[in-house]
Amino acid sequence: MKLPFLNVELEVGSKYLTTDLRDSSGIVGDHDALQTRMAADGYLLLRGLHDRDHVLSARRHILEKLSERGMLDAGAPLADGIFNPGYDEEPTSGAMGNIELTRLPSFRQVVEGRPIINFFEHFLGGDVLTYDHKWLRTVGTGAGSAIHCDVVYMGRGTRNLYTCWTPIGDISLDMGPLVLCLGSHRFDKVTQTYGQADVDRDLIEGHFSNDPIELVDKFGGRWATTEFQAGDTIIFCINLMHASLINTSNKVRISVDVRHQLASEPVDERWVGDNPIRHYAWQAPGVQHEPLEESRRRWDI
């Protein structure tokens, strides 16, 4: 079985791609085991952490809004979330274009509910803070995301920051789920160069590579993904390389990235408050970014 990833197809079971992600649900109550696993793997896959009914309720309300936007096939049942191939993607679409949807009460019940807050309070050992901005992604057929680490987008506060990726609904392999580069949080030279950059300060492109094969051949690791069910979540550190596969299904893939940290530690000011400033330079009109090839030559990687 081959899965499309950016401009290539990777064979499942090859040196480049596996669908075997380690499930940490069995140690969810063990603080020390979770910390050890995170240090070793860079991620924690937690099945059924969220209330499935709450996730499906949020999905239904988001689909209603996407239908009003014209993103869904009007002739198909709403619950199927079938993508309208004639939908004209707007410049403000994607995570930034979905800001209004992140204010839906049913959505907030999932991403700021007690299950995830309780988990992080236990995992981090104190009161936690979640960024006010939530990255809700509604991905149509043919779309995916590039290879990157989160640190370059939100690294001004604590580095003890975690991304919580949650599927809003069931996500099969053909819908373009999250894909992680196993072991990439220990790519020391990448962390010491690219991992010290800031997209608003340095005006780099943001992503690290356009070639998942090159990343494995040059630095090591292996790409890994899995199928997800509503209620699952995967948590990873901000130095772990990740992306998403291409959505080859006829459905809209809905997922959300939420960030959590200890409330007592420094926070990146771009992502908190009633109206976060977000990326004030990197996405500004007319801004010229340093080409990826030039950045990597400068970093000697």
C-alpha atoms as a PDB file:
ATOM      1  CA  MET A   1       0.000   0.000   0.000  1.00  0.00           C
ATOM      2  CA  LYS A   2       1.352   3.410  -0.977  1.00  0.00           C
ATOM      3  CA  LEU A   3       0.363   6.717   0.615  1.00  0.00           C
ATOM      4  CA  PRO A   4       0.920  10.120  -1.041  1.00  0.00           C
ATOM      5  CA  PHE A   5       3.122  12.503   0.914  1.00  0.00           C
ATOM      6  CA  LEU A   6       3.891  15.865  -0.689  1.00  0.00           C
ATOM      7  CA  ASN A   7       5.316  15.045  -4.146  1.00  0.00           C
ATOM      8  CA  VAL A   8       6.076  11.347  -3.560  1.00  0.00           C
ATOM      9  CA  GLU A   9       4.301   8.114  -2.642  1.00  0.00           C
ATOM     10  CA  LEU A  10       5.698   6.095   0.257  1.00  0.00           C
ATOM     11  CA  GLU A  11       5.200   2.356   0.625  1.00  0.00           C
ATOM     12  CA  VAL A  12       3.777   1.334   3.997  1.00  0.00           C
ATOM     13  CA  GLY A  13       6.242  -1.015   5.661  1.00  0.00           C
ATOM     14  CA  SER A  14       9.261   0.405   3.849  1.00  0.00           C
ATOM     15  CA  LYS A  15      12.240   2.100   5.523  1.00  0.00           C
ATOM     16  CA  TYR A  16      10.420   5.386   4.979  1.00  0.00           C
ATOM     17  CA  LEU A  17       6.900   4.800   6.334  1.00  0.00           C
ATOM     18  CA  THR A  18       5.108   2.739   8.950  1.00  0.00           C
ATOM     19  CA  THR A  19       1.562   2.747  10.322  1.00  0.00           C
ATOM     20  CA  ASP A  20       2.808   1.480  13.678  1.00  0.00           C
ATOM     21  CA  LEU A  21       2.610   4.280  16.245  1.00  0.00           C
ATOM     22  CA  ARG A  22       3.104   3.267  19.868  1.00  0.00           C
ATOM     23  CA  ASP A  23      -0.111   3.530  21.907  1.00  0.00           C
ATOM     24  CA  SER A  24       0.442   5.143  25.314  1.00  0.00           C
ATOM     25  CA  SER A  25      -3.145   4.852  26.539  1.00  0.00           C
ATOM     26  CA  GLY A  26      -2.157   2.129  28.986  1.00  0.00           C
ATOM     27  CA  ILE A  27       0.198   4.413  30.915  1.00  0.00           C
ATOM     28  CA  VAL A  28      -2.015   7.523  30.965  1.00  0.00           C
ATOM     29  CA  GLY A  29      -2.144   7.526  34.779  1.00  0.00           C
ATOM     30  CA  ASP A  30       1.601   7.047  35.285  1.00  0.00           C
ATOM     31  CA  HIS A  31       3.380  10.433  35.320  1.00  0.00           C
ATOM     32  CA  ASP A  32       6.921   9.045  35.282  1.00  0.00           C
ATOM     33  CA  ALA A  33       6.179   6.571  32.493  1.00  0.00           C
ATOM     34  CA  LEU A  34       4.590   9.305  30.370  1.00  0.00           C
ATOM     35  CA  GLN A  35       7.600  11.586  30.833  1.00  0.00           C
ATOM     36  CA  THR A  36       9.994   8.773  29.968  1.00  0.00           C
ATOM     37  CA  ARG A  37       7.984   7.838  26.891  1.00  0.00           C
ATOM     38  CA  MET A  38       7.798  11.442  25.693  1.00  0.00           C
ATOM     39  CA  ALA A  39      11.554  11.863  26.090  1.00  0.00           C
ATOM     40  CA  ALA A  40      12.181   8.667  24.142  1.00  0.00           C
ATOM     41  CA  ASP A  41       9.551   8.948  21.389  1.00  0.00           C
ATOM     42  CA  GLY A  42       8.751  12.654  21.233  1.00  0.00           C
ATOM     43  CA  TYR A  43       5.023  11.845  21.157  1.00  0.00           C
ATOM     44  CA  LEU A  44       2.194  10.154  23.054  1.00  0.00           C
ATOM     45  CA  LEU A  45      -0.702   8.497  21.202  1.00  0.00           C
ATOM     46  CA  LEU A  46      -3.751   8.401  23.477  1.00  0.00           C
ATOM     47  CA  ARG A  47      -6.776   6.505  22.241  1.00  0.00           C
ATOM     48  CA  GLY A  48     -10.185   7.565  23.503  1.00  0.00           C
ATOM     49  CA  LEU A  49      -8.958  10.416  25.699  1.00  0.00           C
ATOM     50  CA  HIS A  50     -11.783  12.741  24.630  1.00  0.00           C
ATOM     51  CA  ASP A  51     -15.479  11.927  24.949  1.00  0.00           C
ATOM     52  CA  ARG A  52     -16.403  10.547  21.514  1.00  0.00           C
ATOM     53  CA  ASP A  53     -19.917  12.027  21.625  1.00  0.00           C
ATOM     54  CA  HIS A  54     -18.496  15.481  22.357  1.00  0.00           C
ATOM     55  CA  VAL A  55     -16.098  15.195  19.415  1.00  0.00           C
ATOM     56  CA  LEU A  56     -18.880  14.110  17.063  1.00  0.00           C
ATOM     57  CA  SER A  57     -21.091  16.962  18.267  1.00  0.00           C
ATOM     58  CA  ALA A  58     -18.300  19.442  17.478  1.00  0.00           C
ATOM     59  CA  ARG A  59     -17.847  17.808  14.070  1.00  0.00           C
ATOM     60  CA  ARG A  60     -21.544  18.184  13.259  1.00  0.00           C
ATOM     61  CA  HIS A  61     -21.554  21.878  14.134  1.00  0.00           C
ATOM     62  CA  ILE A  62     -18.374  22.503  12.117  1.00  0.00           C
ATOM     63  CA  LEU A  63     -19.835  20.651   9.124  1.00  0.00           C
ATOM     64  CA  GLU A  64     -22.923  22.855   9.291  1.00  0.00           C
ATOM     65  CA  LYS A  65     -20.700  25.927   8.998  1.00  0.00           C
ATOM     66  CA  LEU A  66     -18.646  24.378   6.183  1.00  0.00           C
ATOM     67  CA  SER A  67     -21.863  23.598   4.322  1.00  0.00           C
ATOM     68  CA  GLU A  68     -22.914  27.243   4.604  1.00  0.00           C
ATOM     69  CA  ARG A  69     -19.494  28.172   3.227  1.00  0.00           C
ATOM     70  CA  GLY A  70     -20.050  25.917   0.194  1.00  0.00           C
ATOM     71  CA  MET A  71     -17.221  23.547   1.036  1.00  0.00           C
ATOM     72  CA  LEU A  72     -19.437  20.449   1.165  1.00  0.00           C
ATOM     73  CA  ASP A  73     -21.344  18.581  -1.524  1.00  0.00           C
ATOM     74  CA  ALA A  74     -24.914  19.815  -1.043  1.00  0.00           C
ATOM     75  CA  GLY A  75     -26.305  16.582  -2.511  1.00  0.00           C
ATOM     76  CA  ALA A  76     -24.668  14.328   0.086  1.00  0.00           C
ATOM     77  CA  PRO A  77     -25.675  13.746   3.715  1.00  0.00           C
ATOM     78  CA  LEU A  78     -24.112  16.370   5.980  1.00  0.00           C
ATOM     79  CA  ALA A  79     -22.702  13.729   8.315  1.00  0.00           C
ATOM     80  CA  ASP A  80     -20.596  12.260   5.495  1.00  0.00           C
ATOM     81  CA  GLY A  81     -18.667  15.518   5.099  1.00  0.00           C
ATOM     82  CA  ILE A  82     -18.220  15.061   1.342  1.00  0.00           C
ATOM     83  CA  PHE A  83     -15.963  17.706  -0.206  1.00  0.00           C
ATOM     84  CA  ASN A  84     -17.412  19.920  -2.928  1.00  0.00           C
ATOM     85  CA  PRO A  85     -14.834  19.639  -5.761  1.00  0.00           C
ATOM     86  CA  GLY A  86     -16.061  22.949  -7.160  1.00  0.00           C
ATOM     87  CA  TYR A  87     -15.279  24.788  -3.944  1.00  0.00           C
ATOM     88  CA  ASP A  88     -13.063  27.799  -4.574  1.00  0.00           C
ATOM     89  CA  GLU A  89     -10.586  27.958  -1.708  1.00  0.00           C
ATOM     90  CA  GLU A  90     -10.404  31.474  -0.282  1.00  0.00           C
ATOM     91  CA  PRO A  91      -7.105  33.161   0.644  1.00  0.00           C
ATOM     92  CA  THR A  92      -8.209  33.209   4.297  1.00  0.00           C
ATOM     93  CA  SER A  93      -9.080  29.508   4.361  1.00  0.00           C
ATOM     94  CA  GLY A  94      -7.269  26.942   6.461  1.00  0.00           C
ATOM     95  CA  ALA A  95      -6.398  27.333  10.138  1.00  0.00           C
ATOM     96  CA  MET A  96      -6.485  31.136  10.109  1.00  0.00           C
ATOM     97  CA  GLY A  97      -9.715  31.228   8.126  1.00  0.00           C
ATOM     98  CA  ASN A  98     -11.419  28.970  10.664  1.00  0.00           C
ATOM     99  CA  ILE A  99     -10.957  31.251  13.670  1.00  0.00           C
ATOM    100  CA  GLU A 100     -14.705  31.875  13.911  1.00  0.00           C
ATOM    101  CA  LEU A 101     -15.392  28.134  14.014  1.00  0.00           C
ATOM    102  CA  THR A 102     -13.051  27.710  16.973  1.00  0.00           C
ATOM    103  CA  ARG A 103     -15.462  29.775  19.058  1.00  0.00           C
ATOM    104  CA  LEU A 104     -18.232  27.173  18.761  1.00  0.00           C
ATOM    105  CA  PRO A 105     -19.158  25.970  22.287  1.00  0.00           C
ATOM    106  CA  SER A 106     -19.140  22.312  21.230  1.00  0.00           C
ATOM    107  CA  PHE A 107     -15.626  22.706  19.814  1.00  0.00           C
ATOM    108  CA  ARG A 108     -14.365  24.408  22.976  1.00  0.00           C
ATOM    109  CA  GLN A 109     -15.897  21.614  25.042  1.00  0.00           C
ATOM    110  CA  VAL A 110     -13.474  19.221  23.349  1.00  0.00           C
ATOM    111  CA  VAL A 111     -10.257  21.227  23.161  1.00  0.00           C
ATOM    112  CA  GLU A 112     -10.566  22.860  26.599  1.00  0.00           C
ATOM    113  CA  GLY A 113     -12.559  20.143  28.337  1.00  0.00           C
ATOM    114  CA  ARG A 114     -11.619  18.417  31.553  1.00  0.00           C
ATOM    115  CA  PRO A 115     -10.216  15.237  29.930  1.00  0.00           C
ATOM    116  CA  ILE A 116      -7.381  17.083  28.176  1.00  0.00           C
ATOM    117  CA  ILE A 117      -6.802  19.615  30.965  1.00  0.00           C
ATOM    118  CA  ASN A 118      -6.707  16.842  33.575  1.00  0.00           C
ATOM    119  CA  PHE A 119      -4.224  14.940  31.453  1.00  0.00           C
ATOM    120  CA  PHE A 120      -1.840  17.880  31.090  1.00  0.00           C
ATOM    121  CA  GLU A 121      -2.066  18.835  34.767  1.00  0.00           C
ATOM    122  CA  HIS A 122      -1.019  15.277  35.587  1.00  0.00           C
ATOM    123  CA  PHE A 123       1.606  15.057  32.836  1.00  0.00           C
ATOM    124  CA  LEU A 124       3.213  18.447  33.560  1.00  0.00           C
ATOM    125  CA  GLY A 125       2.634  18.443  37.317  1.00  0.00           C
ATOM    126  CA  GLY A 126       0.900  21.789  37.772  1.00  0.00           C
ATOM    127  CA  ASP A 127      -1.658  24.275  36.510  1.00  0.00           C
ATOM    128  CA  VAL A 128      -1.657  24.423  32.724  1.00  0.00           C
ATOM    129  CA  LEU A 129      -2.267  27.076  30.118  1.00  0.00           C
ATOM    130  CA  THR A 130      -3.575  26.462  26.611  1.00  0.00           C
ATOM    131  CA  TYR A 131      -3.005  28.962  23.817  1.00  0.00           C
ATOM    132  CA  ASP A 132      -6.156  30.973  23.092  1.00  0.00           C
ATOM    133  CA  HIS A 133      -5.596  30.556  19.346  1.00  0.00           C
ATOM    134  CA  LYS A 134      -6.603  27.094  18.130  1.00  0.00           C
ATOM    135  CA  TRP A 135      -5.481  25.804  14.743  1.00  0.00           C
ATOM    136  CA  LEU A 136      -8.635  24.213  13.310  1.00  0.00           C
ATOM    137  CA  ARG A 137      -7.926  22.652   9.916  1.00  0.00           C
ATOM    138  CA  THR A 138     -10.569  21.738   7.347  1.00  0.00           C
ATOM    139  CA  VAL A 139      -8.728  19.971   4.548  1.00  0.00           C
ATOM    140  CA  GLY A 140     -10.314  19.152   1.215  1.00  0.00           C
ATOM    141  CA  THR A 141      -9.361  16.570  -1.404  1.00  0.00           C
ATOM    142  CA  GLY A 142      -5.803  16.919  -2.677  1.00  0.00           C
ATOM    143  CA  ALA A 143      -4.440  18.980   0.221  1.00  0.00           C
ATOM    144  CA  GLY A 144      -1.748  18.215   2.781  1.00  0.00           C
ATOM    145  CA  SER A 145       0.821  20.093   4.856  1.00  0.00           C
ATOM    146  CA  ALA A 146       4.582  20.548   4.625  1.00  0.00           C
ATOM    147  CA  ILE A 147       7.344  19.144   6.844  1.00  0.00           C
ATOM    148  CA  HIS A 148       8.085  21.366   9.830  1.00  0.00           C
ATOM    149  CA  CYS A 149       8.638  21.688  13.574  1.00  0.00           C
ATOM    150  CA  ASP A 150       6.308  23.851  15.636  1.00  0.00           C
ATOM    151  CA  VAL A 151       9.127  25.597  17.470  1.00  0.00           C
ATOM    152  CA  VAL A 152       9.794  28.056  14.620  1.00  0.00           C
ATOM    153  CA  TYR A 153       6.185  29.287  14.813  1.00  0.00           C
ATOM    154  CA  MET A 154       5.725  29.463  18.589  1.00  0.00           C
ATOM    155  CA  GLY A 155       9.090  29.225  20.308  1.00  0.00           C
ATOM    156  CA  ARG A 156       9.243  32.567  22.140  1.00  0.00           C
ATOM    157  CA  GLY A 157       7.963  31.199  25.414  1.00  0.00           C
ATOM    158  CA  THR A 158       8.830  27.961  27.128  1.00  0.00           C
ATOM    159  CA  ARG A 159      10.295  25.141  25.066  1.00  0.00           C
ATOM    160  CA  ASN A 160       8.366  22.812  27.359  1.00  0.00           C
ATOM    161  CA  LEU A 161       5.378  23.311  25.057  1.00  0.00           C
ATOM    162  CA  TYR A 162       3.287  20.504  23.591  1.00  0.00           C
ATOM    163  CA  THR A 163       1.058  20.220  20.562  1.00  0.00           C
ATOM    164  CA  CYS A 164      -2.137  18.236  20.983  1.00  0.00           C
ATOM    165  CA  TRP A 165      -3.399  17.044  17.575  1.00  0.00           C
ATOM    166  CA  THR A 166      -7.003  15.872  17.701  1.00  0.00           C
ATOM    167  CA  PRO A 167      -9.079  14.469  14.836  1.00  0.00           C
ATOM    168  CA  ILE A 168     -12.588  15.884  14.804  1.00  0.00           C
ATOM    169  CA  GLY A 169     -14.169  12.665  13.616  1.00  0.00           C
ATOM    170  CA  ASP A 170     -12.819   9.348  12.353  1.00  0.00           C
ATOM    171  CA  ILE A 171      -9.844   9.742  10.006  1.00  0.00           C
ATOM    172  CA  SER A 172      -8.739   6.933   7.717  1.00  0.00           C
ATOM    173  CA  LEU A 173      -5.367   6.765   5.969  1.00  0.00           C
ATOM    174  CA  ASP A 174      -6.759   8.093   2.699  1.00  0.00           C
ATOM    175  CA  MET A 175      -7.984  11.277   4.443  1.00  0.00           C
ATOM    176  CA  GLY A 176      -4.444  12.568   4.981  1.00  0.00           C
ATOM    177  CA  PRO A 177      -3.788  12.137   8.713  1.00  0.00           C
ATOM    178  CA  LEU A 178      -0.898  13.513  10.734  1.00  0.00           C
ATOM    179  CA  VAL A 179       2.482  11.909   9.984  1.00  0.00           C
ATOM    180  CA  LEU A 180       5.452  12.092  12.383  1.00  0.00           C
ATOM    181  CA  CYS A 181       9.164  11.614  11.740  1.00  0.00           C
ATOM    182  CA  LEU A 182      10.159   9.232  14.509  1.00  0.00           C
ATOM    183  CA  GLY A 183      13.271  10.273  16.394  1.00  0.00           C
ATOM    184  CA  SER A 184      13.464  13.694  14.749  1.00  0.00           C
ATOM    185  CA  HIS A 185      13.312  15.500  18.104  1.00  0.00           C
ATOM    186  CA  ARG A 186      16.868  14.182  18.544  1.00  0.00           C
ATOM    187  CA  PHE A 187      18.215  15.576  15.238  1.00  0.00           C
ATOM    188  CA  ASP A 188      20.655  17.765  17.165  1.00  0.00           C
ATOM    189  CA  LYS A 189      22.025  19.822  14.264  1.00  0.00           C
ATOM    190  CA  VAL A 190      18.506  20.590  13.045  1.00  0.00           C
ATOM    191  CA  THR A 191      17.438  21.626  16.547  1.00  0.00           C
ATOM    192  CA  GLN A 192      20.507  23.859  16.925  1.00  0.00           C
ATOM    193  CA  THR A 193      19.918  25.670  13.607  1.00  0.00           C
ATOM    194  CA  TYR A 194      16.425  25.524  12.137  1.00  0.00           C
ATOM    195  CA  GLY A 195      15.066  24.931  15.645  1.00  0.00           C
ATOM    196  CA  GLN A 196      16.405  28.298  16.826  1.00  0.00           C
ATOM    197  CA  ALA A 197      14.651  30.263  14.052  1.00  0.00           C
ATOM    198  CA  ASP A 198      11.529  32.403  14.395  1.00  0.00           C
ATOM    199  CA  VAL A 199       9.377  32.946  11.310  1.00  0.00           C
ATOM    200  CA  ASP A 200       8.330  36.474  12.278  1.00  0.00           C
ATOM    201  CA  ARG A 201      11.839  37.577  13.214  1.00  0.00           C
ATOM    202  CA  ASP A 202      13.865  35.752  10.561  1.00  0.00           C
ATOM    203  CA  LEU A 203      11.281  35.595   7.757  1.00  0.00           C
ATOM    204  CA  ILE A 204      12.175  32.067   6.748  1.00  0.00           C
ATOM    205  CA  GLU A 205       9.620  29.998   4.860  1.00  0.00           C
ATOM    206  CA  GLY A 206       8.774  27.985   7.977  1.00  0.00           C
ATOM    207  CA  HIS A 207       8.812  24.428   6.698  1.00  0.00           C
ATOM    208  CA  PHE A 208      12.084  22.485   6.708  1.00  0.00           C
ATOM    209  CA  SER A 209      11.835  20.205   3.696  1.00  0.00           C
ATOM    210  CA  ASN A 210       9.718  19.422   0.663  1.00  0.00           C
ATOM    211  CA  ASP A 211      11.051  15.862   0.437  1.00  0.00           C
ATOM    212  CA  PRO A 212      10.171  13.216   3.066  1.00  0.00           C
ATOM    213  CA  ILE A 213      12.630  10.752   1.526  1.00  0.00           C
ATOM    214  CA  GLU A 214      15.526  13.216   1.737  1.00  0.00           C
ATOM    215  CA  LEU A 215      14.814  13.827   5.418  1.00  0.00           C
ATOM    216  CA  VAL A 216      15.070  10.115   6.286  1.00  0.00           C
ATOM    217  CA  ASP A 217      18.097   9.461   4.074  1.00  0.00           C
ATOM    218  CA  LYS A 218      20.031  12.445   5.425  1.00  0.00           C
ATOM    219  CA  PHE A 219      19.071  12.550   9.086  1.00  0.00           C
ATOM    220  CA  GLY A 220      17.525   9.162   9.921  1.00  0.00           C
ATOM    221  CA  GLY A 221      14.218   8.359  11.523  1.00  0.00           C
ATOM    222  CA  ARG A 222      11.131   6.998   9.802  1.00  0.00           C
ATOM    223  CA  TRP A 223       7.758   8.487   8.979  1.00  0.00           C
ATOM    224  CA  ALA A 224       4.810   7.086  10.933  1.00  0.00           C
ATOM    225  CA  THR A 225       1.060   7.543  10.868  1.00  0.00           C
ATOM    226  CA  THR A 226      -2.083   5.626  11.768  1.00  0.00           C
ATOM    227  CA  GLU A 227      -5.849   5.707  11.466  1.00  0.00           C
ATOM    228  CA  PHE A 228      -7.670   7.715  14.121  1.00  0.00           C
ATOM    229  CA  GLN A 229     -11.080   7.509  15.736  1.00  0.00           C
ATOM    230  CA  ALA A 230     -13.112  10.354  17.221  1.00  0.00           C
ATOM    231  CA  GLY A 231     -11.870  10.678  20.804  1.00  0.00           C
ATOM    232  CA  ASP A 232      -8.215   9.925  20.020  1.00  0.00           C
ATOM    233  CA  THR A 233      -5.443  12.464  20.361  1.00  0.00           C
ATOM    234  CA  ILE A 234      -1.699  12.564  19.814  1.00  0.00           C
ATOM    235  CA  ILE A 235       0.588  14.854  21.799  1.00  0.00           C
ATOM    236  CA  PHE A 236       4.105  15.747  20.683  1.00  0.00           C
ATOM    237  CA  CYS A 237       6.973  18.072  21.548  1.00  0.00           C
ATOM    238  CA  ILE A 238       7.726  21.190  19.526  1.00  0.00           C
ATOM    239  CA  ASN A 239      10.972  19.819  18.042  1.00  0.00           C
ATOM    240  CA  LEU A 240       9.362  16.775  16.419  1.00  0.00           C
ATOM    241  CA  MET A 241       9.211  16.943  12.606  1.00  0.00           C
ATOM    242  CA  HIS A 242       5.718  16.340  11.280  1.00  0.00           C
ATOM    243  CA  ALA A 243       3.361  17.020   8.389  1.00  0.00           C
ATOM    244  CA  SER A 244       0.165  15.555   7.020  1.00  0.00           C
ATOM    245  CA  LEU A 245      -0.373  13.120   4.195  1.00  0.00           C
ATOM    246  CA  ILE A 246      -2.378  14.106   1.129  1.00  0.00           C
ATOM    247  CA  ASN A 247      -6.147  13.779   1.473  1.00  0.00           C
ATOM    248  CA  THR A 248      -7.069  11.487  -1.429  1.00  0.00           C
ATOM    249  CA  SER A 249     -10.593  10.761  -0.170  1.00  0.00           C
ATOM    250  CA  ASN A 250     -13.729  12.627  -1.192  1.00  0.00           C
ATOM    251  CA  LYS A 251     -14.234  13.825   2.402  1.00  0.00           C
ATOM    252  CA  VAL A 252     -13.135  16.909   4.310  1.00  0.00           C
ATOM    253  CA  ARG A 253     -10.581  16.019   6.972  1.00  0.00           C
ATOM    254  CA  ILE A 254     -11.191  18.034  10.143  1.00  0.00           C
ATOM    255  CA  SER A 255      -8.530  18.219  12.836  1.00  0.00           C
ATOM    256  CA  VAL A 256      -7.209  20.705  15.351  1.00  0.00           C
ATOM    257  CA  ASP A 257      -3.815  21.582  16.822  1.00  0.00           C
ATOM    258  CA  VAL A 258      -3.912  22.945  20.380  1.00  0.00           C
ATOM    259  CA  ARG A 259      -0.908  23.952  22.488  1.00  0.00           C
ATOM    260  CA  HIS A 260      -0.449  23.337  26.221  1.00  0.00           C
ATOM    261  CA  GLN A 261       2.196  24.301  28.757  1.00  0.00           C
ATOM    262  CA  LEU A 262       2.627  24.980  32.451  1.00  0.00           C
ATOM    263  CA  ALA A 263       0.930  28.257  33.366  1.00  0.00           C
ATOM    264  CA  SER A 264       3.971  29.228  35.449  1.00  0.00           C
ATOM    265  CA  GLU A 265       6.357  29.220  32.453  1.00  0.00           C
ATOM    266  CA  PRO A 266       6.937  31.959  29.832  1.00  0.00           C
ATOM    267  CA  VAL A 267       4.362  32.069  27.047  1.00  0.00           C
ATOM    268  CA  ASP A 268       4.648  33.142  23.404  1.00  0.00           C
ATOM    269  CA  GLU A 269       2.696  36.408  23.350  1.00  0.00           C
ATOM    270  CA  ARG A 270       1.567  35.932  19.742  1.00  0.00           C
ATOM    271  CA  TRP A 271      -0.983  33.258  20.629  1.00  0.00           C
ATOM    272  CA  VAL A 272      -2.707  34.364  23.845  1.00  0.00           C
ATOM    273  CA  GLY A 273      -5.319  36.947  24.748  1.00  0.00           C
ATOM    274  CA  ASP A 274      -8.813  37.823  23.555  1.00  0.00           C
ATOM    275  CA  ASN A 275      -7.451  38.750  20.128  1.00  0.00           C
ATOM    276  CA  PRO A 276      -3.974  37.205  19.685  1.00  0.00           C
ATOM    277  CA  ILE A 277      -1.618  39.074  17.367  1.00  0.00           C
ATOM    278  CA  ARG A 278      -0.600  35.791  15.703  1.00  0.00           C
ATOM    279  CA  HIS A 279       1.990  36.034  12.882  1.00  0.00           C
ATOM    280  CA  TYR A 280       2.435  39.786  12.507  1.00  0.00           C
ATOM    281  CA  ALA A 281       5.340  39.727  10.002  1.00  0.00           C
ATOM    282  CA  TRP A 282       5.630  36.262   8.450  1.00  0.00           C
ATOM    283  CA  GLN A 283       2.207  36.435   6.786  1.00  0.00           C
ATOM    284  CA  ALA A 284       2.148  40.187   6.161  1.00  0.00           C
ATOM    285  CA  PRO A 285       1.317  41.290   2.595  1.00  0.00           C
ATOM    286  CA  GLY A 286       4.349  41.799   0.396  1.00  0.00           C
ATOM    287  CA  VAL A 287       6.832  40.219   2.826  1.00  0.00           C
ATOM    288  CA  GLN A 288       9.757  38.483   1.121  1.00  0.00           C
ATOM    289  CA  HIS A 289      10.880  35.249   2.769  1.00  0.00           C
ATOM    290  CA  GLU A 290      14.342  33.744   2.645  1.00  0.00           C
ATOM    291  CA  PRO A 291      14.127  30.773   0.247  1.00  0.00           C
ATOM    292  CA  LEU A 292      14.253  27.372   1.943  1.00  0.00           C
ATOM    293  CA  GLU A 293      17.345  26.341  -0.023  1.00  0.00           C
ATOM    294  CA  GLU A 294      19.212  29.459   1.137  1.00  0.00           C
ATOM    295  CA  SER A 295      18.214  28.895   4.770  1.00  0.00           C
ATOM    296  CA  ARG A 296      19.488  25.344   4.702  1.00  0.00           C
ATOM    297  CA  ARG A 297      22.762  26.384   3.075  1.00  0.00           C
ATOM    298  CA  ARG A 298      23.210  28.984   5.794  1.00  0.00           C
ATOM    299  CA  TRP A 299      22.540  26.375   8.466  1.00  0.00           C
ATOM    300  CA  ASP A 300      24.819  23.858   6.673  1.00  0.00           C
ATOM    301  CA  ILE A 301      22.168  21.194   6.798  1.00  0.00           C
END
